[in-house]
Amino acid sequence: MTDGPGSRLSLEGDSSLPGNDNTMKARKRPPTARLPTLMDLSGRLNARDFTIAHLLDEHTALTTAQLTAVLFGSPVTCQHRLSSLRKLRFVDRFIRNQPTRPRPMCWVVGALAARYVALVRDEAPPTPKAVQQRAERIMASPKLDHLLGVNGFFVALAAHSRTDSSTRLARWWSERSSTAAYGRRIRPDGHGVWTDGTTSVGFFVEYDTGTEPIGRLVDKLPAYQRLRDDGGPDYPVLFVLQSPVREQHLHQRLGAGVGSTVRVATTSPLAGADPAAAVWRVSGEGRRRRLADLPSAHGQTGPINPGPPRVGDDPLRLLQAL
């Protein structure tokens, strides 16, 4: 009698037969690589690496070019260091392959960078699986281009301060941190404080990609006014627009009266690439001003007003003593 298919399957699953010992097979599998600990890497990580961890955790994703502009002297040096950190599972990266779009290398926190930042904040560290899922959500996000654009604006300010020691980006908060700090009254794309000598200018950023009607941009202003009227700071709202035509249309709407007295300043590509320079057109004015010359007041520190920047707000604070 020959064995049928059912008999064969049952024999293959019989651990009593030679070669069917599942325990032996399991023992022969290569062991899973152990995730190194921060203590394992304590002699291989420096202040710049920890700064990268904080920047990636706060701002979600940064490109090689952006990290180079803020922290390195050349893109080759930056790429080499990031590659080394990736091998250590401190950071991770992906390329977002989209037809007809730029394909920059995007860097995100790895398991160990996320763990480090959480421990600094006295929070429970995320699991490696959670960190991986976060990275994949970032890669797949339809808002990634907008996020990189917002980050690029602040990176340009940080890069300016590397060549002008009298200036500094004293605060750089993401949308998440800004929303929380101001009692969820507003939801800017980012918030910063720019210092130039003894001048300190706070501002909120609205980064426009041109996908919304101009009216939607104007509709964001009443929330900023309510924040100011209720004890928040008197900071200008900066609209970063992608064309001079769109910038002109926004000023026309503002000139027609929008029921808000919040200070608004705009810029577009033709005005210049350096946001610290005289590229800002204030509503109701013709000439453009430098960022440091925009009207701004921190106001009284309170529940919905963090006030002037503190030492801990400086995104490059870990490097200050170097």
C-alpha atoms as a PDB file:
ATOM      1  CA  MET A   1       0.000   0.000   0.000  1.00  0.00           C
ATOM      2  CA  THR A   2       1.339   3.389  -0.904  1.00  0.00           C
ATOM      3  CA  ASP A   3       1.013   6.360   1.374  1.00  0.00           C
ATOM      4  CA  GLY A   4      -1.425   9.089   0.343  1.00  0.00           C
ATOM      5  CA  PRO A   5      -0.751  12.797   0.550  1.00  0.00           C
ATOM      6  CA  GLY A   6      -2.221  12.940   4.029  1.00  0.00           C
ATOM      7  CA  SER A   7       0.149  10.259   5.283  1.00  0.00           C
ATOM      8  CA  ARG A   8       3.154  12.051   3.836  1.00  0.00           C
ATOM      9  CA  LEU A   9       2.254  15.320   5.515  1.00  0.00           C
ATOM     10  CA  SER A  10       1.772  13.580   8.816  1.00  0.00           C
ATOM     11  CA  LEU A  11       5.125  11.808   8.553  1.00  0.00           C
ATOM     12  CA  GLU A  12       6.944  15.077   7.734  1.00  0.00           C
ATOM     13  CA  GLY A  13       5.496  16.603  10.846  1.00  0.00           C
ATOM     14  CA  ASP A  14       6.442  13.592  13.036  1.00  0.00           C
ATOM     15  CA  SER A  15       9.281  14.709  15.298  1.00  0.00           C
ATOM     16  CA  SER A  16      10.033  11.077  16.178  1.00  0.00           C
ATOM     17  CA  LEU A  17      11.505  10.443  12.704  1.00  0.00           C
ATOM     18  CA  PRO A  18      15.152  11.232  11.826  1.00  0.00           C
ATOM     19  CA  GLY A  19      15.591  14.721  10.386  1.00  0.00           C
ATOM     20  CA  ASN A  20      12.219  15.923  11.700  1.00  0.00           C
ATOM     21  CA  ASP A  21      13.446  17.285  15.010  1.00  0.00           C
ATOM     22  CA  ASN A  22      12.070  20.841  15.061  1.00  0.00           C
ATOM     23  CA  THR A  23      14.118  21.559  18.126  1.00  0.00           C
ATOM     24  CA  MET A  24      17.327  20.779  16.245  1.00  0.00           C
ATOM     25  CA  LYS A  25      16.231  23.041  13.362  1.00  0.00           C
ATOM     26  CA  ALA A  26      15.563  25.890  15.753  1.00  0.00           C
ATOM     27  CA  ARG A  27      18.989  25.478  17.303  1.00  0.00           C
ATOM     28  CA  LYS A  28      20.647  25.737  13.908  1.00  0.00           C
ATOM     29  CA  ARG A  29      19.046  29.069  13.049  1.00  0.00           C
ATOM     30  CA  PRO A  30      21.441  32.011  13.300  1.00  0.00           C
ATOM     31  CA  PRO A  31      20.871  34.066  16.444  1.00  0.00           C
ATOM     32  CA  THR A  32      19.192  37.450  16.076  1.00  0.00           C
ATOM     33  CA  ALA A  33      21.689  40.298  16.338  1.00  0.00           C
ATOM     34  CA  ARG A  34      21.471  42.010  19.705  1.00  0.00           C
ATOM     35  CA  LEU A  35      20.656  45.692  19.678  1.00  0.00           C
ATOM     36  CA  PRO A  36      23.631  47.519  21.194  1.00  0.00           C
ATOM     37  CA  THR A  37      22.970  49.676  24.209  1.00  0.00           C
ATOM     38  CA  LEU A  38      23.757  53.331  24.677  1.00  0.00           C
ATOM     39  CA  MET A  39      26.378  52.247  27.180  1.00  0.00           C
ATOM     40  CA  ASP A  40      27.990  50.043  24.520  1.00  0.00           C
ATOM     41  CA  LEU A  41      28.305  53.127  22.297  1.00  0.00           C
ATOM     42  CA  SER A  42      29.217  55.649  24.985  1.00  0.00           C
ATOM     43  CA  GLY A  43      32.753  56.011  23.687  1.00  0.00           C
ATOM     44  CA  ARG A  44      31.707  56.301  20.044  1.00  0.00           C
ATOM     45  CA  LEU A  45      29.029  59.000  20.244  1.00  0.00           C
ATOM     46  CA  ASN A  46      29.732  62.710  20.569  1.00  0.00           C
ATOM     47  CA  ALA A  47      27.799  65.928  21.177  1.00  0.00           C
ATOM     48  CA  ARG A  48      27.072  66.364  17.477  1.00  0.00           C
ATOM     49  CA  ASP A  49      25.580  62.866  17.299  1.00  0.00           C
ATOM     50  CA  PHE A  50      23.320  63.597  20.258  1.00  0.00           C
ATOM     51  CA  THR A  51      22.328  66.895  18.610  1.00  0.00           C
ATOM     52  CA  ILE A  52      21.335  64.936  15.491  1.00  0.00           C
ATOM     53  CA  ALA A  53      19.167  62.715  17.674  1.00  0.00           C
ATOM     54  CA  HIS A  54      17.365  65.701  19.194  1.00  0.00           C
ATOM     55  CA  LEU A  55      16.859  67.383  15.800  1.00  0.00           C
ATOM     56  CA  LEU A  56      15.476  64.258  14.145  1.00  0.00           C
ATOM     57  CA  ASP A  57      13.179  63.482  17.062  1.00  0.00           C
ATOM     58  CA  GLU A  58      11.806  67.032  17.180  1.00  0.00           C
ATOM     59  CA  HIS A  59      11.546  67.671  13.440  1.00  0.00           C
ATOM     60  CA  THR A  60      10.705  64.150  12.221  1.00  0.00           C
ATOM     61  CA  ALA A  61      12.945  64.027   9.128  1.00  0.00           C
ATOM     62  CA  LEU A  62      15.886  65.972   7.752  1.00  0.00           C
ATOM     63  CA  THR A  63      17.784  65.473   4.512  1.00  0.00           C
ATOM     64  CA  THR A  64      21.522  64.984   4.190  1.00  0.00           C
ATOM     65  CA  ALA A  65      21.813  68.494   2.758  1.00  0.00           C
ATOM     66  CA  GLN A  66      19.887  69.975   5.693  1.00  0.00           C
ATOM     67  CA  LEU A  67      22.005  68.214   8.312  1.00  0.00           C
ATOM     68  CA  THR A  68      25.133  69.278   6.437  1.00  0.00           C
ATOM     69  CA  ALA A  69      24.050  72.924   6.499  1.00  0.00           C
ATOM     70  CA  VAL A  70      23.430  72.877  10.249  1.00  0.00           C
ATOM     71  CA  LEU A  71      26.200  70.659  11.584  1.00  0.00           C
ATOM     72  CA  PHE A  72      28.900  69.724   9.065  1.00  0.00           C
ATOM     73  CA  GLY A  73      31.533  71.327   6.893  1.00  0.00           C
ATOM     74  CA  SER A  74      30.921  69.161   3.828  1.00  0.00           C
ATOM     75  CA  PRO A  75      28.269  66.761   2.525  1.00  0.00           C
ATOM     76  CA  VAL A  76      30.861  63.967   2.245  1.00  0.00           C
ATOM     77  CA  THR A  77      31.744  64.231   5.932  1.00  0.00           C
ATOM     78  CA  CYS A  78      28.060  64.348   6.823  1.00  0.00           C
ATOM     79  CA  GLN A  79      27.234  61.306   4.709  1.00  0.00           C
ATOM     80  CA  HIS A  80      30.088  59.293   6.191  1.00  0.00           C
ATOM     81  CA  ARG A  81      29.087  60.085   9.761  1.00  0.00           C
ATOM     82  CA  LEU A  82      25.409  59.376   9.177  1.00  0.00           C
ATOM     83  CA  SER A  83      26.270  56.067   7.541  1.00  0.00           C
ATOM     84  CA  SER A  84      28.340  55.128  10.583  1.00  0.00           C
ATOM     85  CA  LEU A  85      25.503  56.079  12.917  1.00  0.00           C
ATOM     86  CA  ARG A  86      23.107  53.992  10.856  1.00  0.00           C
ATOM     87  CA  LYS A  87      25.328  50.934  11.210  1.00  0.00           C
ATOM     88  CA  LEU A  88      25.136  51.481  14.966  1.00  0.00           C
ATOM     89  CA  ARG A  89      21.301  51.674  14.667  1.00  0.00           C
ATOM     90  CA  PHE A  90      21.425  55.189  16.092  1.00  0.00           C
ATOM     91  CA  VAL A  91      19.712  56.732  13.039  1.00  0.00           C
ATOM     92  CA  ASP A  92      17.938  55.361   9.981  1.00  0.00           C
ATOM     93  CA  ARG A  93      17.198  56.619   6.507  1.00  0.00           C
ATOM     94  CA  PHE A  94      15.062  56.197   3.409  1.00  0.00           C
ATOM     95  CA  ILE A  95      14.738  57.522  -0.117  1.00  0.00           C
ATOM     96  CA  ARG A  96      11.259  58.541  -1.155  1.00  0.00           C
ATOM     97  CA  ASN A  97      11.043  57.485  -4.776  1.00  0.00           C
ATOM     98  CA  GLN A  98       8.460  59.682  -6.490  1.00  0.00           C
ATOM     99  CA  PRO A  99       8.360  60.203 -10.264  1.00  0.00           C
ATOM    100  CA  THR A 100       9.388  63.712 -11.405  1.00  0.00           C
ATOM    101  CA  ARG A 101      10.243  64.679  -7.808  1.00  0.00           C
ATOM    102  CA  PRO A 102      13.622  65.175  -6.115  1.00  0.00           C
ATOM    103  CA  ARG A 103      14.868  62.059  -4.329  1.00  0.00           C
ATOM    104  CA  PRO A 104      16.803  63.309  -1.307  1.00  0.00           C
ATOM    105  CA  MET A 105      18.075  60.975   1.376  1.00  0.00           C
ATOM    106  CA  CYS A 106      15.853  61.505   4.419  1.00  0.00           C
ATOM    107  CA  TRP A 107      17.132  60.719   7.907  1.00  0.00           C
ATOM    108  CA  VAL A 108      15.021  59.741  10.919  1.00  0.00           C
ATOM    109  CA  VAL A 109      15.770  58.549  14.430  1.00  0.00           C
ATOM    110  CA  GLY A 110      16.868  54.958  14.834  1.00  0.00           C
ATOM    111  CA  ALA A 111      16.116  52.755  17.812  1.00  0.00           C
ATOM    112  CA  LEU A 112      19.008  54.079  19.893  1.00  0.00           C
ATOM    113  CA  ALA A 113      18.533  57.774  19.088  1.00  0.00           C
ATOM    114  CA  ALA A 114      14.862  57.489  20.030  1.00  0.00           C
ATOM    115  CA  ARG A 115      15.838  55.706  23.224  1.00  0.00           C
ATOM    116  CA  TYR A 116      18.412  58.376  24.084  1.00  0.00           C
ATOM    117  CA  VAL A 117      15.987  61.285  23.598  1.00  0.00           C
ATOM    118  CA  ALA A 118      13.282  59.568  25.656  1.00  0.00           C
ATOM    119  CA  LEU A 119      15.696  58.936  28.522  1.00  0.00           C
ATOM    120  CA  VAL A 120      16.863  62.555  28.462  1.00  0.00           C
ATOM    121  CA  ARG A 121      13.219  63.570  28.880  1.00  0.00           C
ATOM    122  CA  ASP A 122      12.696  60.972  31.616  1.00  0.00           C
ATOM    123  CA  GLU A 123      10.142  59.180  29.437  1.00  0.00           C
ATOM    124  CA  ALA A 124       9.656  55.488  28.713  1.00  0.00           C
ATOM    125  CA  PRO A 125      11.741  54.624  25.622  1.00  0.00           C
ATOM    126  CA  PRO A 126       9.827  53.347  22.579  1.00  0.00           C
ATOM    127  CA  THR A 127      10.378  49.807  21.405  1.00  0.00           C
ATOM    128  CA  PRO A 128      12.497  49.218  18.286  1.00  0.00           C
ATOM    129  CA  LYS A 129       9.328  48.045  16.523  1.00  0.00           C
ATOM    130  CA  ALA A 130       7.539  51.295  17.368  1.00  0.00           C
ATOM    131  CA  VAL A 131      10.498  53.315  16.067  1.00  0.00           C
ATOM    132  CA  GLN A 132      10.476  51.332  12.819  1.00  0.00           C
ATOM    133  CA  GLN A 133       6.742  51.862  12.359  1.00  0.00           C
ATOM    134  CA  ARG A 134       7.179  55.576  12.944  1.00  0.00           C
ATOM    135  CA  ALA A 135       9.873  55.729  10.254  1.00  0.00           C
ATOM    136  CA  GLU A 136       7.647  53.939   7.763  1.00  0.00           C
ATOM    137  CA  ARG A 137       4.750  56.300   8.486  1.00  0.00           C
ATOM    138  CA  ILE A 138       7.046  59.231   7.805  1.00  0.00           C
ATOM    139  CA  MET A 139       8.236  57.715   4.527  1.00  0.00           C
ATOM    140  CA  ALA A 140       4.653  57.102   3.385  1.00  0.00           C
ATOM    141  CA  SER A 141       3.252  60.440   4.570  1.00  0.00           C
ATOM    142  CA  PRO A 142       1.706  62.655   1.869  1.00  0.00           C
ATOM    143  CA  LYS A 143       2.852  65.633   3.965  1.00  0.00           C
ATOM    144  CA  LEU A 144       6.552  64.770   3.785  1.00  0.00           C
ATOM    145  CA  ASP A 145       7.378  67.377   1.123  1.00  0.00           C
ATOM    146  CA  HIS A 146       5.673  70.060   3.200  1.00  0.00           C
ATOM    147  CA  LEU A 147       7.549  68.938   6.310  1.00  0.00           C
ATOM    148  CA  LEU A 148      10.914  69.091   4.529  1.00  0.00           C
ATOM    149  CA  GLY A 149      10.019  72.549   3.224  1.00  0.00           C
ATOM    150  CA  VAL A 150       9.255  73.827   6.727  1.00  0.00           C
ATOM    151  CA  ASN A 151      12.465  72.312   8.064  1.00  0.00           C
ATOM    152  CA  GLY A 152      14.390  73.827   5.171  1.00  0.00           C
ATOM    153  CA  PHE A 153      13.263  77.296   6.219  1.00  0.00           C
ATOM    154  CA  PHE A 154      14.664  76.887   9.723  1.00  0.00           C
ATOM    155  CA  VAL A 155      17.784  75.144   8.448  1.00  0.00           C
ATOM    156  CA  ALA A 156      18.533  78.211   6.325  1.00  0.00           C
ATOM    157  CA  LEU A 157      18.430  80.371   9.462  1.00  0.00           C
ATOM    158  CA  ALA A 158      20.700  77.981  11.361  1.00  0.00           C
ATOM    159  CA  ALA A 159      23.094  77.942   8.399  1.00  0.00           C
ATOM    160  CA  HIS A 160      23.143  81.755   8.339  1.00  0.00           C
ATOM    161  CA  SER A 161      24.171  81.869  11.985  1.00  0.00           C
ATOM    162  CA  ARG A 162      27.169  79.629  11.233  1.00  0.00           C
ATOM    163  CA  THR A 163      28.594  82.410   9.052  1.00  0.00           C
ATOM    164  CA  ASP A 164      27.431  85.341  11.203  1.00  0.00           C
ATOM    165  CA  SER A 165      28.347  84.950  14.866  1.00  0.00           C
ATOM    166  CA  SER A 166      26.168  87.902  15.875  1.00  0.00           C
ATOM    167  CA  THR A 167      23.040  85.928  14.971  1.00  0.00           C
ATOM    168  CA  ARG A 168      21.468  82.773  16.415  1.00  0.00           C
ATOM    169  CA  LEU A 169      18.375  80.638  16.013  1.00  0.00           C
ATOM    170  CA  ALA A 170      17.613  80.621  19.724  1.00  0.00           C
ATOM    171  CA  ARG A 171      14.447  78.537  19.422  1.00  0.00           C
ATOM    172  CA  TRP A 172      13.218  76.121  16.762  1.00  0.00           C
ATOM    173  CA  TRP A 173      10.026  74.265  17.558  1.00  0.00           C
ATOM    174  CA  SER A 174       8.083  71.881  15.382  1.00  0.00           C
ATOM    175  CA  GLU A 175       4.353  72.078  14.777  1.00  0.00           C
ATOM    176  CA  ARG A 176       3.811  69.563  17.575  1.00  0.00           C
ATOM    177  CA  SER A 177       5.843  71.452  20.160  1.00  0.00           C
ATOM    178  CA  SER A 178       4.494  74.857  19.116  1.00  0.00           C
ATOM    179  CA  THR A 179       0.891  73.720  19.336  1.00  0.00           C
ATOM    180  CA  ALA A 180       1.428  72.291  22.822  1.00  0.00           C
ATOM    181  CA  ALA A 181       3.407  75.282  24.123  1.00  0.00           C
ATOM    182  CA  TYR A 182       0.683  77.746  23.149  1.00  0.00           C
ATOM    183  CA  GLY A 183      -2.198  75.845  24.698  1.00  0.00           C
ATOM    184  CA  ARG A 184      -3.401  74.408  21.381  1.00  0.00           C
ATOM    185  CA  ARG A 185      -4.765  77.844  20.515  1.00  0.00           C
ATOM    186  CA  ILE A 186      -2.801  77.875  17.251  1.00  0.00           C
ATOM    187  CA  ARG A 187      -1.252  75.296  14.952  1.00  0.00           C
ATOM    188  CA  PRO A 188       1.670  76.894  13.116  1.00  0.00           C
ATOM    189  CA  ASP A 189       3.984  74.878  10.910  1.00  0.00           C
ATOM    190  CA  GLY A 190       6.789  75.966  13.203  1.00  0.00           C
ATOM    191  CA  HIS A 191       7.889  78.604  15.691  1.00  0.00           C
ATOM    192  CA  GLY A 192      11.236  80.212  16.212  1.00  0.00           C
ATOM    193  CA  VAL A 193      13.104  83.027  17.900  1.00  0.00           C
ATOM    194  CA  TRP A 194      15.848  84.769  15.935  1.00  0.00           C
ATOM    195  CA  THR A 195      18.446  86.871  17.698  1.00  0.00           C
ATOM    196  CA  ASP A 196      20.686  89.421  16.031  1.00  0.00           C
ATOM    197  CA  GLY A 197      22.953  91.199  18.480  1.00  0.00           C
ATOM    198  CA  THR A 198      20.659  92.368  21.268  1.00  0.00           C
ATOM    199  CA  THR A 199      17.504  92.057  19.137  1.00  0.00           C
ATOM    200  CA  SER A 200      15.220  89.079  19.717  1.00  0.00           C
ATOM    201  CA  VAL A 201      12.382  88.399  17.273  1.00  0.00           C
ATOM    202  CA  GLY A 202       9.845  85.630  17.803  1.00  0.00           C
ATOM    203  CA  PHE A 203       7.725  84.440  14.891  1.00  0.00           C
ATOM    204  CA  PHE A 204       5.276  81.802  13.699  1.00  0.00           C
ATOM    205  CA  VAL A 205       5.741  80.155  10.310  1.00  0.00           C
ATOM    206  CA  GLU A 206       3.020  79.200   7.846  1.00  0.00           C
ATOM    207  CA  TYR A 207       4.646  77.351   4.967  1.00  0.00           C
ATOM    208  CA  ASP A 208       2.427  77.480   1.883  1.00  0.00           C
ATOM    209  CA  THR A 209       2.772  74.963  -0.941  1.00  0.00           C
ATOM    210  CA  GLY A 210       0.129  76.587  -3.116  1.00  0.00           C
ATOM    211  CA  THR A 211      -2.462  73.852  -2.694  1.00  0.00           C
ATOM    212  CA  GLU A 212      -4.893  75.892  -0.583  1.00  0.00           C
ATOM    213  CA  PRO A 213      -7.008  78.884  -1.634  1.00  0.00           C
ATOM    214  CA  ILE A 214      -5.674  82.233  -0.459  1.00  0.00           C
ATOM    215  CA  GLY A 215      -8.736  82.546   1.734  1.00  0.00           C
ATOM    216  CA  ARG A 216      -7.631  79.517   3.761  1.00  0.00           C
ATOM    217  CA  LEU A 217      -4.378  81.290   4.584  1.00  0.00           C
ATOM    218  CA  VAL A 218      -6.200  84.400   5.732  1.00  0.00           C
ATOM    219  CA  ASP A 219      -8.564  82.303   7.841  1.00  0.00           C
ATOM    220  CA  LYS A 220      -5.638  81.234  10.037  1.00  0.00           C
ATOM    221  CA  LEU A 221      -5.049  84.750  11.361  1.00  0.00           C
ATOM    222  CA  PRO A 222      -7.954  85.127  13.847  1.00  0.00           C
ATOM    223  CA  ALA A 223      -6.556  82.288  15.990  1.00  0.00           C
ATOM    224  CA  TYR A 224      -3.263  84.145  16.307  1.00  0.00           C
ATOM    225  CA  GLN A 225      -5.083  87.306  17.296  1.00  0.00           C
ATOM    226  CA  ARG A 226      -7.101  85.494  19.967  1.00  0.00           C
ATOM    227  CA  LEU A 227      -3.876  84.049  21.355  1.00  0.00           C
ATOM    228  CA  ARG A 228      -2.312  87.506  21.554  1.00  0.00           C
ATOM    229  CA  ASP A 229      -5.422  89.098  23.055  1.00  0.00           C
ATOM    230  CA  ASP A 230      -5.606  86.402  25.754  1.00  0.00           C
ATOM    231  CA  GLY A 231      -2.021  86.883  26.920  1.00  0.00           C
ATOM    232  CA  GLY A 232       0.076  85.276  24.214  1.00  0.00           C
ATOM    233  CA  PRO A 233       3.063  86.921  22.511  1.00  0.00           C
ATOM    234  CA  ASP A 234       2.817  89.596  19.855  1.00  0.00           C
ATOM    235  CA  TYR A 235       4.767  87.716  17.186  1.00  0.00           C
ATOM    236  CA  PRO A 236       4.432  88.224  13.439  1.00  0.00           C
ATOM    237  CA  VAL A 237       3.030  85.409  11.313  1.00  0.00           C
ATOM    238  CA  LEU A 238       5.432  84.653   8.476  1.00  0.00           C
ATOM    239  CA  PHE A 239       3.929  83.262   5.280  1.00  0.00           C
ATOM    240  CA  VAL A 240       6.490  81.510   3.094  1.00  0.00           C
ATOM    241  CA  LEU A 241       4.974  81.386  -0.387  1.00  0.00           C
ATOM    242  CA  GLN A 242       6.151  79.606  -3.509  1.00  0.00           C
ATOM    243  CA  SER A 243       5.589  82.374  -6.090  1.00  0.00           C
ATOM    244  CA  PRO A 244       5.563  86.182  -6.191  1.00  0.00           C
ATOM    245  CA  VAL A 245       2.132  86.086  -7.826  1.00  0.00           C
ATOM    246  CA  ARG A 246       0.674  84.189  -4.889  1.00  0.00           C
ATOM    247  CA  GLU A 247       2.427  86.559  -2.505  1.00  0.00           C
ATOM    248  CA  GLN A 248       0.851  89.529  -4.262  1.00  0.00           C
ATOM    249  CA  HIS A 249      -2.603  87.937  -4.100  1.00  0.00           C
ATOM    250  CA  LEU A 250      -2.239  87.394  -0.353  1.00  0.00           C
ATOM    251  CA  HIS A 251      -1.312  91.041   0.201  1.00  0.00           C
ATOM    252  CA  GLN A 252      -4.318  92.114  -1.824  1.00  0.00           C
ATOM    253  CA  ARG A 253      -6.576  90.098   0.463  1.00  0.00           C
ATOM    254  CA  LEU A 254      -4.865  91.502   3.540  1.00  0.00           C
ATOM    255  CA  GLY A 255      -5.172  95.037   2.185  1.00  0.00           C
ATOM    256  CA  ALA A 256      -8.897  94.536   1.709  1.00  0.00           C
ATOM    257  CA  GLY A 257      -9.277  94.009   5.444  1.00  0.00           C
ATOM    258  CA  VAL A 258      -9.506  90.647   7.157  1.00  0.00           C
ATOM    259  CA  GLY A 259     -10.676  91.648  10.615  1.00  0.00           C
ATOM    260  CA  SER A 260      -7.323  90.896  12.241  1.00  0.00           C
ATOM    261  CA  THR A 261      -4.569  93.172  13.494  1.00  0.00           C
ATOM    262  CA  VAL A 262      -1.953  90.415  13.725  1.00  0.00           C
ATOM    263  CA  ARG A 263       1.290  91.428  12.064  1.00  0.00           C
ATOM    264  CA  VAL A 264       1.894  89.520   8.834  1.00  0.00           C
ATOM    265  CA  ALA A 265       5.064  89.335   6.741  1.00  0.00           C
ATOM    266  CA  THR A 266       5.580  87.352   3.551  1.00  0.00           C
ATOM    267  CA  THR A 267       8.384  86.154   1.329  1.00  0.00           C
ATOM    268  CA  SER A 268       8.650  84.298  -1.978  1.00  0.00           C
ATOM    269  CA  PRO A 269      11.542  82.909  -4.041  1.00  0.00           C
ATOM    270  CA  LEU A 270      12.290  86.089  -5.976  1.00  0.00           C
ATOM    271  CA  ALA A 271      12.842  87.973  -2.715  1.00  0.00           C
ATOM    272  CA  GLY A 272      15.902  85.850  -1.920  1.00  0.00           C
ATOM    273  CA  ALA A 273      16.904  82.533  -0.389  1.00  0.00           C
ATOM    274  CA  ASP A 274      18.216  83.774   2.970  1.00  0.00           C
ATOM    275  CA  PRO A 275      15.310  84.221   5.411  1.00  0.00           C
ATOM    276  CA  ALA A 276      17.497  86.352   7.689  1.00  0.00           C
ATOM    277  CA  ALA A 277      17.996  88.941   4.936  1.00  0.00           C
ATOM    278  CA  ALA A 278      15.713  91.766   3.785  1.00  0.00           C
ATOM    279  CA  VAL A 279      13.181  89.452   2.135  1.00  0.00           C
ATOM    280  CA  TRP A 280      10.112  90.105   4.310  1.00  0.00           C
ATOM    281  CA  ARG A 281       7.278  92.259   3.069  1.00  0.00           C
ATOM    282  CA  VAL A 282       5.135  93.453   5.958  1.00  0.00           C
ATOM    283  CA  SER A 283       1.437  93.857   5.257  1.00  0.00           C
ATOM    284  CA  GLY A 284       0.699  97.495   4.461  1.00  0.00           C
ATOM    285  CA  GLU A 285       4.303  98.301   3.573  1.00  0.00           C
ATOM    286  CA  GLY A 286       6.135  98.388   0.267  1.00  0.00           C
ATOM    287  CA  ARG A 287       9.754  97.818   1.231  1.00  0.00           C
ATOM    288  CA  ARG A 288      11.112  94.560   2.531  1.00  0.00           C
ATOM    289  CA  ARG A 289      12.715  94.159   5.938  1.00  0.00           C
ATOM    290  CA  ARG A 290      15.260  91.847   7.501  1.00  0.00           C
ATOM    291  CA  LEU A 291      13.917  89.234   9.877  1.00  0.00           C
ATOM    292  CA  ALA A 292      15.599  90.993  12.797  1.00  0.00           C
ATOM    293  CA  ASP A 293      13.771  94.217  11.901  1.00  0.00           C
ATOM    294  CA  LEU A 294      10.258  92.782  12.064  1.00  0.00           C
ATOM    295  CA  PRO A 295       8.074  94.058  14.932  1.00  0.00           C
ATOM    296  CA  SER A 296       7.854  91.477  17.706  1.00  0.00           C
ATOM    297  CA  ALA A 297       7.240  91.338  21.460  1.00  0.00           C
ATOM    298  CA  HIS A 298       7.607  88.308  23.737  1.00  0.00           C
ATOM    299  CA  GLY A 299       5.055  89.591  26.232  1.00  0.00           C
ATOM    300  CA  GLN A 300       4.556  88.293  29.763  1.00  0.00           C
ATOM    301  CA  THR A 301       5.360  84.642  30.401  1.00  0.00           C
ATOM    302  CA  GLY A 302       2.208  82.725  31.341  1.00  0.00           C
ATOM    303  CA  PRO A 303       0.108  79.601  30.727  1.00  0.00           C
ATOM    304  CA  ILE A 304      -0.149  80.259  26.993  1.00  0.00           C
ATOM    305  CA  ASN A 305       3.093  82.183  26.579  1.00  0.00           C
ATOM    306  CA  PRO A 306       6.512  80.518  27.026  1.00  0.00           C
ATOM    307  CA  GLY A 307       8.128  83.954  26.889  1.00  0.00           C
ATOM    308  CA  PRO A 308      11.688  84.625  25.707  1.00  0.00           C
ATOM    309  CA  PRO A 309      13.880  81.669  24.742  1.00  0.00           C
ATOM    310  CA  ARG A 310      15.759  79.777  27.429  1.00  0.00           C
ATOM    311  CA  VAL A 311      19.110  78.021  27.196  1.00  0.00           C
ATOM    312  CA  GLY A 312      17.365  74.668  26.811  1.00  0.00           C
ATOM    313  CA  ASP A 313      15.490  75.919  23.734  1.00  0.00           C
ATOM    314  CA  ASP A 314      18.655  76.326  21.650  1.00  0.00           C
ATOM    315  CA  PRO A 315      18.665  73.483  19.087  1.00  0.00           C
ATOM    316  CA  LEU A 316      22.484  73.462  19.138  1.00  0.00           C
ATOM    317  CA  ARG A 317      22.897  73.821  22.885  1.00  0.00           C
ATOM    318  CA  LEU A 318      24.984  70.650  23.234  1.00  0.00           C
ATOM    319  CA  LEU A 319      27.623  72.137  20.948  1.00  0.00           C
ATOM    320  CA  GLN A 320      27.942  75.504  22.635  1.00  0.00           C
ATOM    321  CA  ALA A 321      30.816  74.468  24.899  1.00  0.00           C
ATOM    322  CA  LEU A 322      32.816  72.962  22.008  1.00  0.00           C
END
